[in-house]
PDB file of N, CA and C in Angstrom:
ATOM      1  N   MET A   1     159.445 -66.585 -80.867  1.00  0.00           N
ATOM      2  CA  MET A   1     158.259 -67.010 -81.581  1.00  0.00           C
ATOM      3  C   MET A   1     157.065 -66.247 -81.014  1.00  0.00           C
ATOM      4  N   ARG A   2     156.244 -65.717 -81.895  1.00  0.00           N
ATOM      5  CA  ARG A   2     155.035 -65.011 -81.460  1.00  0.00           C
ATOM      6  C   ARG A   2     154.103 -65.964 -80.722  1.00  0.00           C
ATOM      7  N   LEU A   3     153.377 -65.453 -79.723  1.00  0.00           N
ATOM      8  CA  LEU A   3     152.460 -66.288 -78.952  1.00  0.00           C
ATOM      9  C   LEU A   3     151.392 -66.897 -79.850  1.00  0.00           C
ATOM     10  N   ARG A   4     150.785 -66.078 -80.713  1.00  0.00           N
ATOM     11  CA  ARG A   4     149.745 -66.605 -81.595  1.00  0.00           C
ATOM     12  C   ARG A   4     150.311 -67.707 -82.482  1.00  0.00           C
ATOM     13  N   HIS A   5     151.503 -67.467 -83.018  1.00  0.00           N
ATOM     14  CA  HIS A   5     152.139 -68.466 -83.869  1.00  0.00           C
ATOM     15  C   HIS A   5     152.360 -69.762 -83.083  1.00  0.00           C
ATOM     16  N   ALA A   6     152.834 -69.666 -81.859  1.00  0.00           N
ATOM     17  CA  ALA A   6     153.081 -70.853 -81.039  1.00  0.00           C
ATOM     18  C   ALA A   6     151.795 -71.633 -80.822  1.00  0.00           C
ATOM     19  N   MET A   7     150.689 -70.934 -80.603  1.00  0.00           N
ATOM     20  CA  MET A   7     149.408 -71.601 -80.398  1.00  0.00           C
ATOM     21  C   MET A   7     148.924 -72.261 -81.692  1.00  0.00           C
ATOM     22  N   GLU A   8     149.172 -71.615 -82.840  1.00  0.00           N
ATOM     23  CA  GLU A   8     148.762 -72.178 -84.127  1.00  0.00           C
ATOM     24  C   GLU A   8     149.561 -73.427 -84.465  1.00  0.00           C
ATOM     25  N   ILE A   9     150.811 -73.480 -84.073  1.00  0.00           N
ATOM     26  CA  ILE A   9     151.671 -74.633 -84.343  1.00  0.00           C
ATOM     27  C   ILE A   9     151.342 -75.785 -83.392  1.00  0.00           C
ATOM     28  N   ARG A  10     150.881 -75.485 -82.192  1.00  0.00           N
ATOM     29  CA  ARG A  10     150.619 -76.512 -81.181  1.00  0.00           C
ATOM     30  C   ARG A  10     149.594 -77.544 -81.661  1.00  0.00           C
ATOM     31  N   HIS A  11     148.518 -77.104 -82.315  1.00  0.00           N
ATOM     32  CA  HIS A  11     147.462 -78.028 -82.742  1.00  0.00           C
ATOM     33  C   HIS A  11     147.979 -79.067 -83.747  1.00  0.00           C
ATOM     34  N   PRO A  12     148.585 -78.654 -84.859  1.00  0.00           N
ATOM     35  CA  PRO A  12     149.096 -79.688 -85.774  1.00  0.00           C
ATOM     36  C   PRO A  12     150.223 -80.508 -85.151  1.00  0.00           C
ATOM     37  N   ALA A  13     151.013 -79.910 -84.273  1.00  0.00           N
ATOM     38  CA  ALA A  13     152.103 -80.661 -83.635  1.00  0.00           C
ATOM     39  C   ALA A  13     151.546 -81.805 -82.795  1.00  0.00           C
ATOM     40  N   ARG A  14     150.475 -81.561 -82.064  1.00  0.00           N
ATOM     41  CA  ARG A  14     149.862 -82.630 -81.259  1.00  0.00           C
ATOM     42  C   ARG A  14     149.328 -83.751 -82.144  1.00  0.00           C
ATOM     43  N   ARG A  15     148.705 -83.384 -83.250  1.00  0.00           N
ATOM     44  CA  ARG A  15     148.153 -84.388 -84.161  1.00  0.00           C
ATOM     45  C   ARG A  15     149.274 -85.224 -84.786  1.00  0.00           C
ATOM     46  N   ILE A  16     150.293 -84.566 -85.272  1.00  0.00           N
ATOM     47  CA  ILE A  16     151.410 -85.271 -85.897  1.00  0.00           C
ATOM     48  C   ILE A  16     152.097 -86.176 -84.888  1.00  0.00           C
ATOM     49  N   GLU A  17     152.280 -85.699 -83.672  1.00  0.00           N
ATOM     50  CA  GLU A  17     152.920 -86.500 -82.630  1.00  0.00           C
ATOM     51  C   GLU A  17     152.100 -87.768 -82.349  1.00  0.00           C
ATOM     52  N   ALA A  18     150.787 -87.648 -82.285  1.00  0.00           N
ATOM     53  CA  ALA A  18     149.934 -88.823 -82.082  1.00  0.00           C
ATOM     54  C   ALA A  18     150.100 -89.800 -83.236  1.00  0.00           C
ATOM     55  N   TRP A  19     150.028 -89.313 -84.460  1.00  0.00           N
ATOM     56  CA  TRP A  19     150.165 -90.182 -85.638  1.00  0.00           C
ATOM     57  C   TRP A  19     151.527 -90.863 -85.673  1.00  0.00           C
ATOM     58  N   ARG A  20     152.580 -90.118 -85.331  1.00  0.00           N
ATOM     59  CA  ARG A  20     153.932 -90.685 -85.326  1.00  0.00           C
ATOM     60  C   ARG A  20     154.031 -91.879 -84.400  1.00  0.00           C
ATOM     61  N   HIS A  21     153.269 -91.855 -83.318  1.00  0.00           N
ATOM     62  CA  HIS A  21     153.339 -92.920 -82.316  1.00  0.00           C
ATOM     63  C   HIS A  21     152.210 -93.940 -82.472  1.00  0.00           C
ATOM     64  N   GLY A  22     151.592 -93.950 -83.661  1.00  0.00           N
ATOM     65  CA  GLY A  22     150.598 -94.963 -83.969  1.00  0.00           C
ATOM     66  C   GLY A  22     149.232 -94.743 -83.356  1.00  0.00           C
ATOM     67  N   ARG A  23     148.989 -93.558 -82.805  1.00  0.00           N
ATOM     68  CA  ARG A  23     147.692 -93.272 -82.199  1.00  0.00           C
ATOM     69  C   ARG A  23     146.830 -92.472 -83.167  1.00  0.00           C
ATOM     70  N   GLN A  24     145.549 -92.390 -82.863  1.00  0.00           N
ATOM     71  CA  GLN A  24     144.601 -91.605 -83.649  1.00  0.00           C
ATOM     72  C   GLN A  24     144.075 -90.469 -82.786  1.00  0.00           C
ATOM     73  N   VAL A  25     143.888 -89.314 -83.377  1.00  0.00           N
ATOM     74  CA  VAL A  25     143.325 -88.190 -82.644  1.00  0.00           C
ATOM     75  C   VAL A  25     141.807 -88.341 -82.588  1.00  0.00           C
ATOM     76  N   ALA A  26     141.201 -87.864 -81.523  1.00  0.00           N
ATOM     77  CA  ALA A  26     139.767 -88.072 -81.296  1.00  0.00           C
ATOM     78  C   ALA A  26     138.897 -87.415 -82.365  1.00  0.00           C
ATOM     79  N   ASP A  27     139.322 -86.280 -82.871  1.00  0.00           N
ATOM     80  CA  ASP A  27     138.487 -85.546 -83.831  1.00  0.00           C
ATOM     81  C   ASP A  27     138.901 -85.772 -85.286  1.00  0.00           C
ATOM     82  N   ALA A  28     139.523 -86.917 -85.567  1.00  0.00           N
ATOM     83  CA  ALA A  28     140.000 -87.210 -86.922  1.00  0.00           C
ATOM     84  C   ALA A  28     138.832 -87.365 -87.891  1.00  0.00           C
ATOM     85  N   HIS A  29     139.029 -86.889 -89.102  1.00  0.00           N
ATOM     86  CA  HIS A  29     138.094 -87.107 -90.207  1.00  0.00           C
ATOM     87  C   HIS A  29     138.694 -88.231 -91.034  1.00  0.00           C
ATOM     88  N   LYS A  30     138.136 -89.415 -90.906  1.00  0.00           N
ATOM     89  CA  LYS A  30     138.723 -90.597 -91.532  1.00  0.00           C
ATOM     90  C   LYS A  30     137.973 -90.994 -92.796  1.00  0.00           C
ATOM     91  N   ALA A  31     138.660 -91.660 -93.689  1.00  0.00           N
ATOM     92  CA  ALA A  31     138.071 -92.131 -94.942  1.00  0.00           C
ATOM     93  C   ALA A  31     137.252 -93.399 -94.722  1.00  0.00           C
ATOM     94  N   SER A  32     137.463 -94.074 -93.597  1.00  0.00           N
ATOM     95  CA  SER A  32     136.768 -95.324 -93.327  1.00  0.00           C
ATOM     96  C   SER A  32     136.226 -95.315 -91.904  1.00  0.00           C
ATOM     97  N   SER A  33     135.138 -96.006 -91.692  1.00  0.00           N
ATOM     98  CA  SER A  33     134.595 -96.127 -90.338  1.00  0.00           C
ATOM     99  C   SER A  33     135.321 -97.224 -89.556  1.00  0.00           C
ATOM    100  N   GLN A  34     136.136 -98.012 -90.235  1.00  0.00           N
ATOM    101  CA  GLN A  34     136.907 -99.063 -89.579  1.00  0.00           C
ATOM    102  C   GLN A  34     138.044 -98.444 -88.773  1.00  0.00           C
ATOM    103  N   PRO A  35     138.297 -98.972 -87.590  1.00  0.00           N
ATOM    104  CA  PRO A  35     139.419 -98.443 -86.815  1.00  0.00           C
ATOM    105  C   PRO A  35     140.742 -98.710 -87.523  1.00  0.00           C
ATOM    106  N   ALA A  36     141.647 -97.789 -87.395  1.00  0.00           N
ATOM    107  CA  ALA A  36     142.976 -97.957 -87.989  1.00  0.00           C
ATOM    108  C   ALA A  36     143.727 -99.046 -87.228  1.00  0.00           C
ATOM    109  N   PRO A  37     144.597 -99.774 -87.915  1.00  0.00           N
ATOM    110  CA  PRO A  37     145.373-100.800 -87.212  1.00  0.00           C
ATOM    111  C   PRO A  37     146.285-100.160 -86.169  1.00  0.00           C
ATOM    112  N   ARG A  38     146.450-100.833 -85.053  1.00  0.00           N
ATOM    113  CA  ARG A  38     147.340-100.332 -84.005  1.00  0.00           C
ATOM    114  C   ARG A  38     148.779-100.555 -84.454  1.00  0.00           C
ATOM    115  N   LEU A  39     149.532 -99.503 -84.487  1.00  0.00           N
ATOM    116  CA  LEU A  39     150.928 -99.572 -84.904  1.00  0.00           C
ATOM    117  C   LEU A  39     151.806 -98.964 -83.822  1.00  0.00           C
ATOM    118  N   GLY A  40     153.044 -99.434 -83.745  1.00  0.00           N
ATOM    119  CA  GLY A  40     153.979 -98.839 -82.796  1.00  0.00           C
ATOM    120  C   GLY A  40     154.390 -97.446 -83.229  1.00  0.00           C
ATOM    121  N   SER A  41     154.472 -97.259 -84.530  1.00  0.00           N
ATOM    122  CA  SER A  41     154.834 -95.939 -85.054  1.00  0.00           C
ATOM    123  C   SER A  41     154.371 -95.848 -86.503  1.00  0.00           C
ATOM    124  N   ARG A  42     154.315 -94.634 -86.992  1.00  0.00           N
ATOM    125  CA  ARG A  42     153.947 -94.377 -88.385  1.00  0.00           C
ATOM    126  C   ARG A  42     154.871 -93.304 -88.939  1.00  0.00           C
ATOM    127  N   ASP A  43     155.147 -93.394 -90.225  1.00  0.00           N
ATOM    128  CA  ASP A  43     155.802 -92.282 -90.910  1.00  0.00           C
ATOM    129  C   ASP A  43     154.710 -91.270 -91.225  1.00  0.00           C
ATOM    130  N   VAL A  44     154.969 -90.016 -90.926  1.00  0.00           N
ATOM    131  CA  VAL A  44     153.983 -88.962 -91.172  1.00  0.00           C
ATOM    132  C   VAL A  44     154.588 -87.965 -92.146  1.00  0.00           C
ATOM    133  N   PHE A  45     153.869 -87.707 -93.218  1.00  0.00           N
ATOM    134  CA  PHE A  45     154.266 -86.716 -94.205  1.00  0.00           C
ATOM    135  C   PHE A  45     153.200 -85.639 -94.199  1.00  0.00           C
ATOM    136  N   CYS A  46     153.614 -84.406 -94.095  1.00  0.00           N
ATOM    137  CA  CYS A  46     152.621 -83.329 -94.088  1.00  0.00           C
ATOM    138  C   CYS A  46     153.069 -82.214 -95.026  1.00  0.00           C
ATOM    139  N   TYR A  47     152.098 -81.586 -95.602  1.00  0.00           N
ATOM    140  CA  TYR A  47     152.309 -80.452 -96.488  1.00  0.00           C
ATOM    141  C   TYR A  47     152.051 -79.211 -95.670  1.00  0.00           C
ATOM    142  N   PHE A  48     152.999 -78.314 -95.610  1.00  0.00           N
ATOM    143  CA  PHE A  48     152.875 -77.127 -94.790  1.00  0.00           C
ATOM    144  C   PHE A  48     152.712 -75.911 -95.686  1.00  0.00           C
ATOM    145  N   ASP A  49     151.609 -75.237 -95.547  1.00  0.00           N
ATOM    146  CA  ASP A  49     151.322 -74.048 -96.338  1.00  0.00           C
ATOM    147  C   ASP A  49     150.613 -73.052 -95.433  1.00  0.00           C
ATOM    148  N   ASN A  50     150.822 -71.801 -95.686  1.00  0.00           N
ATOM    149  CA  ASN A  50     150.093 -70.769 -94.943  1.00  0.00           C
ATOM    150  C   ASN A  50     149.946 -69.531 -95.814  1.00  0.00           C
ATOM    151  N   ASP A  51     149.254 -68.539 -95.319  1.00  0.00           N
ATOM    152  CA  ASP A  51     148.966 -67.342 -96.109  1.00  0.00           C
ATOM    153  C   ASP A  51     150.217 -66.559 -96.481  1.00  0.00           C
ATOM    154  N   SER A  52     151.156 -66.506 -95.593  1.00  0.00           N
ATOM    155  CA  SER A  52     152.371 -65.753 -95.847  1.00  0.00           C
ATOM    156  C   SER A  52     153.427 -66.713 -96.388  1.00  0.00           C
ATOM    157  N   LYS A  53     153.523 -66.808 -97.697  1.00  0.00           N
ATOM    158  CA  LYS A  53     154.386 -67.803 -98.339  1.00  0.00           C
ATOM    159  C   LYS A  53     155.841 -67.708 -97.891  1.00  0.00           C
ATOM    160  N   VAL A  54     156.318 -66.503 -97.627  1.00  0.00           N
ATOM    161  CA  VAL A  54     157.714 -66.382 -97.200  1.00  0.00           C
ATOM    162  C   VAL A  54     157.910 -66.931 -95.799  1.00  0.00           C
ATOM    163  N   SER A  55     156.831 -67.041 -95.015  1.00  0.00           N
ATOM    164  CA  SER A  55     156.930 -67.558 -93.650  1.00  0.00           C
ATOM    165  C   SER A  55     156.816 -69.075 -93.592  1.00  0.00           C
ATOM    166  N   ALA A  56     156.257 -69.696 -94.619  1.00  0.00           N
ATOM    167  CA  ALA A  56     155.992 -71.133 -94.576  1.00  0.00           C
ATOM    168  C   ALA A  56     157.238 -71.961 -94.249  1.00  0.00           C
ATOM    169  N   PRO A  57     158.397 -71.724 -94.875  1.00  0.00           N
ATOM    170  CA  PRO A  57     159.569 -72.540 -94.534  1.00  0.00           C
ATOM    171  C   PRO A  57     159.980 -72.388 -93.069  1.00  0.00           C
ATOM    172  N   PHE A  58     159.884 -71.184 -92.532  1.00  0.00           N
ATOM    173  CA  PHE A  58     160.254 -70.958 -91.139  1.00  0.00           C
ATOM    174  C   PHE A  58     159.235 -71.585 -90.193  1.00  0.00           C
ATOM    175  N   ASP A  59     157.960 -71.508 -90.552  1.00  0.00           N
ATOM    176  CA  ASP A  59     156.917 -72.143 -89.747  1.00  0.00           C
ATOM    177  C   ASP A  59     157.083 -73.654 -89.753  1.00  0.00           C
ATOM    178  N   ALA A  60     157.398 -74.220 -90.904  1.00  0.00           N
ATOM    179  CA  ALA A  60     157.629 -75.653 -91.000  1.00  0.00           C
ATOM    180  C   ALA A  60     158.838 -76.054 -90.153  1.00  0.00           C
ATOM    181  N   ALA A  61     159.890 -75.237 -90.166  1.00  0.00           N
ATOM    182  CA  ALA A  61     161.072 -75.515 -89.346  1.00  0.00           C
ATOM    183  C   ALA A  61     160.716 -75.443 -87.858  1.00  0.00           C
ATOM    184  N   ASP A  62     159.891 -74.480 -87.463  1.00  0.00           N
ATOM    185  CA  ASP A  62     159.447 -74.384 -86.065  1.00  0.00           C
ATOM    186  C   ASP A  62     158.681 -75.640 -85.662  1.00  0.00           C
ATOM    187  N   LEU A  63     157.810 -76.110 -86.533  1.00  0.00           N
ATOM    188  CA  LEU A  63     157.035 -77.315 -86.253  1.00  0.00           C
ATOM    189  C   LEU A  63     157.966 -78.520 -86.120  1.00  0.00           C
ATOM    190  N   ALA A  64     158.909 -78.649 -87.037  1.00  0.00           N
ATOM    191  CA  ALA A  64     159.859 -79.761 -86.979  1.00  0.00           C
ATOM    192  C   ALA A  64     160.660 -79.729 -85.675  1.00  0.00           C
ATOM    193  N   CYS A  65     161.113 -78.559 -85.278  1.00  0.00           N
ATOM    194  CA  CYS A  65     161.871 -78.436 -84.025  1.00  0.00           C
ATOM    195  C   CYS A  65     161.005 -78.824 -82.830  1.00  0.00           C
ATOM    196  N   ARG A  66     159.750 -78.402 -82.849  1.00  0.00           N
ATOM    197  CA  ARG A  66     158.823 -78.743 -81.759  1.00  0.00           C
ATOM    198  C   ARG A  66     158.661 -80.259 -81.645  1.00  0.00           C
ATOM    199  N   LEU A  67     158.732 -80.958 -82.795  1.00  0.00           N
ATOM    200  CA  LEU A  67     158.573 -82.411 -82.822  1.00  0.00           C
ATOM    201  C   LEU A  67     159.893 -83.156 -82.659  1.00  0.00           C
ATOM    202  N   GLY A  68     160.998 -82.412 -82.554  1.00  0.00           N
ATOM    203  CA  GLY A  68     162.299 -83.046 -82.399  1.00  0.00           C
ATOM    204  C   GLY A  68     162.835 -83.656 -83.673  1.00  0.00           C
ATOM    205  N   VAL A  69     162.388 -83.125 -84.823  1.00  0.00           N
ATOM    206  CA  VAL A  69     162.815 -83.639 -86.120  1.00  0.00           C
ATOM    207  C   VAL A  69     163.961 -82.771 -86.641  1.00  0.00           C
ATOM    208  N   PRO A  70     165.088 -83.370 -86.994  1.00  0.00           N
ATOM    209  CA  PRO A  70     166.204 -82.586 -87.518  1.00  0.00           C
ATOM    210  C   PRO A  70     165.789 -81.862 -88.807  1.00  0.00           C
ATOM    211  N   ILE A  71     166.202 -80.605 -88.940  1.00  0.00           N
ATOM    212  CA  ILE A  71     165.805 -79.842 -90.115  1.00  0.00           C
ATOM    213  C   ILE A  71     166.966 -79.498 -91.032  1.00  0.00           C
ATOM    214  N   GLY A  72     168.173 -79.710 -90.601  1.00  0.00           N
ATOM    215  CA  GLY A  72     169.325 -79.488 -91.451  1.00  0.00           C
ATOM    216  C   GLY A  72     169.623 -78.031 -91.769  1.00  0.00           C
ATOM    217  N   LEU A  73     169.122 -77.120 -90.942  1.00  0.00           N
ATOM    218  CA  LEU A  73     169.381 -75.691 -91.179  1.00  0.00           C
ATOM    219  C   LEU A  73     170.366 -75.116 -90.181  1.00  0.00           C
ATOM    220  N   GLY A  74     170.970 -75.951 -89.363  1.00  0.00           N
ATOM    221  CA  GLY A  74     171.898 -75.478 -88.357  1.00  0.00           C
ATOM    222  C   GLY A  74     171.157 -74.751 -87.236  1.00  0.00           C
ATOM    223  N   GLY A  75     171.535 -74.992 -86.028  1.00  0.00           N
ATOM    224  CA  GLY A  75     170.912 -74.341 -84.892  1.00  0.00           C
ATOM    225  C   GLY A  75     169.556 -74.921 -84.527  1.00  0.00           C
ATOM    226  N   GLY A  76     169.037 -75.851 -85.327  1.00  0.00           N
ATOM    227  CA  GLY A  76     167.754 -76.486 -85.034  1.00  0.00           C
ATOM    228  C   GLY A  76     167.933 -77.780 -84.296  1.00  0.00           C
ATOM    229  N   ALA A  77     166.854 -78.529 -84.213  1.00  0.00           N
ATOM    230  CA  ALA A  77     166.898 -79.823 -83.500  1.00  0.00           C
ATOM    231  C   ALA A  77     167.764 -80.812 -84.256  1.00  0.00           C
TER     232      ALA A  77
END
C-alpha cells in the first residue's frame, strides 16, 4: 500500500471505528446540537468514492481490512 494512500485511509478509518463503538468524533458536523445517545455499538454504512474509479473497490477493501471487516474477496480479513 502506498504511504499516501495509507494516510488517506487512516482518517476515515478512525472515524468509522469510533462510530462503530458508539462514540462521536470531536470534529463531527452534526445535524443537531443535541448530544447523540450513548450506544454500545452502531451499524455504520459508508459510501466510498474517489477520483480514480477503478481504484475505489480496492480502496474500500483496504479500509474494510483495516477495520477488520470481512470483504469476501479471499486473502482479506
